[in-house]
Each structure stands twice: as C-alpha cells, then as structure tokens.
Amino acid sequence: MKDHEYLWTTEKNNWVLVNTEYGYGIINKKNQSMLMVSDSDLKESLIKKMIEEGCKIYDSLDDAYSDN
C-alpha cells in the first residue's frame, strides 16, 4: 500500500474512482489512464483507502475526464 499512497495524497486530484459494471476502476483523469492492479486484494485495499480519504467517485469515464 505504501507504494500507492500518491493515489490519496500528492496526486489525489488526478486519481479518481469510476464505478463500472465490473466494480471500481482506478483512473488518472488528467492522463486518461487506468491503474492496472493484478493483485485483487491489493486493488480492493486501494479502493477502500481512496474512498476513506475522500477521493472523487464518478459514474462514467466521460464524467471523470470532463471534470477538470
């Protein structure tokens, strides 16, 4: 988790969650990219921490990318 603290600290304004039919995606809205996490337990922990830290959650990629 320590390697990913930037998601909810220094780069919190860029990294957001997008709610999809498959669950949350961790998205960089500035670069329009997705963080791929192969370890499902780590991914769930990151999502939980991002929610706890108040990271923004969007219902679609379009909403995330258009919110500057």
C-alpha atoms as a PDB file:
ATOM      1  CA  MET A   1       0.000   0.000   0.000  1.00  0.00           C
ATOM      2  CA  LYS A   2       2.823   2.405   0.810  1.00  0.00           C
ATOM      3  CA  ASP A   3       3.930   2.421  -2.835  1.00  0.00           C
ATOM      4  CA  HIS A   4       0.460   3.659  -3.822  1.00  0.00           C
ATOM      5  CA  GLU A   5      -0.070   6.424  -1.233  1.00  0.00           C
ATOM      6  CA  TYR A   6       0.149   9.026  -4.011  1.00  0.00           C
ATOM      7  CA  LEU A   7      -3.374   7.949  -5.022  1.00  0.00           C
ATOM      8  CA  TRP A   8      -4.866   9.682  -1.978  1.00  0.00           C
ATOM      9  CA  THR A   9      -2.063  12.136  -1.091  1.00  0.00           C
ATOM     10  CA  THR A  10       0.144  14.013  -3.558  1.00  0.00           C
ATOM     11  CA  GLU A  11      -1.839  13.086  -6.694  1.00  0.00           C
ATOM     12  CA  LYS A  12      -5.299  12.876  -5.120  1.00  0.00           C
ATOM     13  CA  ASN A  13      -6.737  15.426  -7.556  1.00  0.00           C
ATOM     14  CA  ASN A  14      -5.699  13.308 -10.554  1.00  0.00           C
ATOM     15  CA  TRP A  15      -6.581   9.792  -9.358  1.00  0.00           C
ATOM     16  CA  VAL A  16     -10.275   9.004  -9.025  1.00  0.00           C
ATOM     17  CA  LEU A  17     -12.603   6.023  -8.908  1.00  0.00           C
ATOM     18  CA  VAL A  18     -15.025   5.269 -11.709  1.00  0.00           C
ATOM     19  CA  ASN A  19     -17.945   2.996 -10.903  1.00  0.00           C
ATOM     20  CA  THR A  20     -18.381   0.477 -13.703  1.00  0.00           C
ATOM     21  CA  GLU A  21     -20.447  -2.661 -14.163  1.00  0.00           C
ATOM     22  CA  TYR A  22     -17.338  -4.604 -13.056  1.00  0.00           C
ATOM     23  CA  GLY A  23     -16.671  -2.539  -9.920  1.00  0.00           C
ATOM     24  CA  TYR A  24     -14.467   0.470  -9.368  1.00  0.00           C
ATOM     25  CA  GLY A  25     -11.683   1.384 -11.748  1.00  0.00           C
ATOM     26  CA  ILE A  26      -8.745   3.475 -10.530  1.00  0.00           C
ATOM     27  CA  ILE A  27      -8.398   6.194 -13.140  1.00  0.00           C
ATOM     28  CA  ASN A  28      -6.000   9.069 -13.706  1.00  0.00           C
ATOM     29  CA  LYS A  29      -8.352  11.680 -15.104  1.00  0.00           C
ATOM     30  CA  LYS A  30      -5.509  14.026 -16.075  1.00  0.00           C
ATOM     31  CA  ASN A  31      -3.655  11.457 -18.219  1.00  0.00           C
ATOM     32  CA  GLN A  32      -6.798   9.487 -19.080  1.00  0.00           C
ATOM     33  CA  SER A  33      -5.213   6.230 -17.987  1.00  0.00           C
ATOM     34  CA  MET A  34      -6.118   3.352 -15.698  1.00  0.00           C
ATOM     35  CA  LEU A  35      -4.039   1.835 -12.914  1.00  0.00           C
ATOM     36  CA  MET A  36      -3.899  -1.907 -13.503  1.00  0.00           C
ATOM     37  CA  VAL A  37      -3.532  -3.890 -10.276  1.00  0.00           C
ATOM     38  CA  SER A  38      -3.208  -7.644 -10.761  1.00  0.00           C
ATOM     39  CA  ASP A  39      -3.473  -8.488  -7.054  1.00  0.00           C
ATOM     40  CA  SER A  40      -7.215  -8.354  -6.302  1.00  0.00           C
ATOM     41  CA  ASP A  41      -6.681  -7.991  -2.534  1.00  0.00           C
ATOM     42  CA  LEU A  42      -4.373  -5.022  -3.075  1.00  0.00           C
ATOM     43  CA  LYS A  43      -6.813  -3.455  -5.515  1.00  0.00           C
ATOM     44  CA  GLU A  44      -9.671  -3.751  -3.013  1.00  0.00           C
ATOM     45  CA  SER A  45      -7.481  -2.245  -0.275  1.00  0.00           C
ATOM     46  CA  LEU A  46      -6.512   0.670  -2.518  1.00  0.00           C
ATOM     47  CA  ILE A  47     -10.143   1.344  -3.446  1.00  0.00           C
ATOM     48  CA  LYS A  48     -11.223   1.199   0.199  1.00  0.00           C
ATOM     49  CA  LYS A  49      -8.458   3.620   1.233  1.00  0.00           C
ATOM     50  CA  MET A  50      -9.283   6.005  -1.626  1.00  0.00           C
ATOM     51  CA  ILE A  51     -12.923   6.073  -0.525  1.00  0.00           C
ATOM     52  CA  GLU A  52     -11.913   6.639   3.124  1.00  0.00           C
ATOM     53  CA  GLU A  53      -9.648   9.520   2.068  1.00  0.00           C
ATOM     54  CA  GLY A  54     -12.428  11.207   0.110  1.00  0.00           C
ATOM     55  CA  CYS A  55     -11.190  10.620  -3.427  1.00  0.00           C
ATOM     56  CA  LYS A  56     -13.777  11.518  -6.039  1.00  0.00           C
ATOM     57  CA  ILE A  57     -16.050   8.838  -7.440  1.00  0.00           C
ATOM     58  CA  TYR A  58     -17.644   9.121 -10.881  1.00  0.00           C
ATOM     59  CA  ASP A  59     -20.325   7.119 -12.645  1.00  0.00           C
ATOM     60  CA  SER A  60     -18.606   7.203 -16.036  1.00  0.00           C
ATOM     61  CA  LEU A  61     -15.262   7.869 -17.690  1.00  0.00           C
ATOM     62  CA  ASP A  62     -16.789  10.803 -19.547  1.00  0.00           C
ATOM     63  CA  ASP A  63     -17.738  12.430 -16.247  1.00  0.00           C
ATOM     64  CA  ALA A  64     -14.256  11.881 -14.828  1.00  0.00           C
ATOM     65  CA  TYR A  65     -12.430  13.142 -17.902  1.00  0.00           C
ATOM     66  CA  SER A  66     -14.617  16.227 -18.298  1.00  0.00           C
ATOM     67  CA  ASP A  67     -14.258  17.335 -14.644  1.00  0.00           C
ATOM     68  CA  ASN A  68     -11.132  19.459 -14.541  1.00  0.00           C
END
